[in-house]
Amino acid sequence: MRDDLSKIETTTSSLEKIFPDAQDFLPLFGTDYVEFYVGNAKQAAHFYKTALGFQSLAYAGLETGVTDRTSYVVVQD
């Protein structure tokens, strides 16, 4: 399997601009975090951990004194 991955080539594509003078108004070089608002935070966190390999980092909810919401922080290395 590793041999197959070593043969992957990087490709880039360039799209023709609709407006030739258009500039990138928001150049992003990375992502610090993404925040999701969901109906069931526990279920969403479980999905990200089991399906996508994230790990739990922090939790806020009734047990920690936050009564109006529940938050899970998950990270992926």
Protein backbone atom coordinates (compact mmCIF):
# COMPACT_ATOMS: atom_id res chain seq x y z
CA MET A 1 0.00 0.00 0.00
CA ARG A 2 2.80 2.44 0.84
CA ASP A 3 4.38 1.82 -2.56
CA ASP A 4 1.15 2.88 -4.25
CA LEU A 5 1.05 6.14 -2.27
CA SER A 6 4.63 7.04 -3.18
CA LYS A 7 3.69 7.13 -6.85
CA ILE A 8 1.01 9.79 -6.41
CA GLU A 9 1.76 12.96 -8.32
CA THR A 10 0.72 16.43 -7.19
CA THR A 11 -1.48 18.25 -9.66
CA THR A 12 -2.71 21.80 -9.74
CA SER A 13 -5.50 23.34 -11.69
CA SER A 14 -6.00 26.91 -12.67
CA LEU A 15 -9.42 28.27 -13.39
CA GLU A 16 -10.05 31.08 -15.78
CA LYS A 17 -11.21 34.17 -13.91
CA ILE A 18 -14.58 35.61 -14.79
CA PHE A 19 -13.19 39.07 -14.04
CA PRO A 20 -9.53 39.36 -15.14
CA ASP A 21 -8.73 41.94 -12.42
CA ALA A 22 -10.20 39.85 -9.58
CA GLN A 23 -7.93 39.28 -6.58
CA ASP A 24 -8.16 36.76 -3.74
CA PHE A 25 -9.87 38.82 -1.02
CA LEU A 26 -9.22 36.22 1.69
CA PRO A 27 -5.93 34.39 1.22
CA LEU A 28 -6.00 31.45 3.64
CA PHE A 29 -2.79 29.55 4.32
CA GLY A 30 -4.20 27.17 6.94
CA THR A 31 -7.08 26.57 9.31
CA ASP A 32 -6.91 27.16 13.05
CA TYR A 33 -10.33 25.75 13.88
CA VAL A 34 -13.79 25.06 12.52
CA GLU A 35 -16.84 25.45 14.74
CA PHE A 36 -20.05 23.52 14.09
CA TYR A 37 -23.44 24.27 15.63
CA VAL A 38 -25.32 20.99 15.83
CA GLY A 39 -28.39 19.66 17.58
CA ASN A 40 -26.56 16.81 19.30
CA ALA A 41 -22.95 17.70 20.14
CA LYS A 42 -22.21 14.34 21.74
CA GLN A 43 -23.28 12.45 18.64
CA ALA A 44 -21.38 14.80 16.32
CA ALA A 45 -18.19 14.48 18.38
CA HIS A 46 -18.56 10.69 18.39
CA PHE A 47 -18.89 10.68 14.59
CA TYR A 48 -15.75 12.79 14.07
CA LYS A 49 -13.80 10.57 16.46
CA THR A 50 -14.87 7.21 15.05
CA ALA A 51 -15.22 8.00 11.35
CA LEU A 52 -12.50 10.60 10.84
CA GLY A 53 -9.93 9.79 13.51
CA PHE A 54 -10.29 12.84 15.72
CA GLN A 55 -9.44 12.68 19.44
CA SER A 56 -11.15 14.38 22.39
CA LEU A 57 -9.36 17.42 23.81
CA ALA A 58 -11.91 19.28 25.95
CA TYR A 59 -15.53 19.26 27.07
CA ALA A 60 -17.87 21.89 28.49
CA GLY A 61 -21.38 21.17 29.73
CA LEU A 62 -23.48 20.67 32.83
CA GLU A 63 -20.67 18.86 34.64
CA THR A 64 -18.34 21.83 34.16
CA GLY A 65 -20.87 24.53 35.06
CA VAL A 66 -21.98 25.52 31.55
CA THR A 67 -25.77 25.27 31.61
CA ASP A 68 -26.81 26.77 28.27
CA ARG A 69 -24.80 24.62 25.86
CA THR A 70 -22.55 21.59 25.47
CA SER A 71 -19.24 21.80 23.65
CA TYR A 72 -16.72 19.19 22.60
CA VAL A 73 -13.28 20.07 21.31
CA VAL A 74 -11.79 17.41 19.07
CA VAL A 75 -8.39 17.52 17.36
CA GLN A 76 -6.76 15.63 14.54
CA ASP A 77 -2.99 15.39 14.25
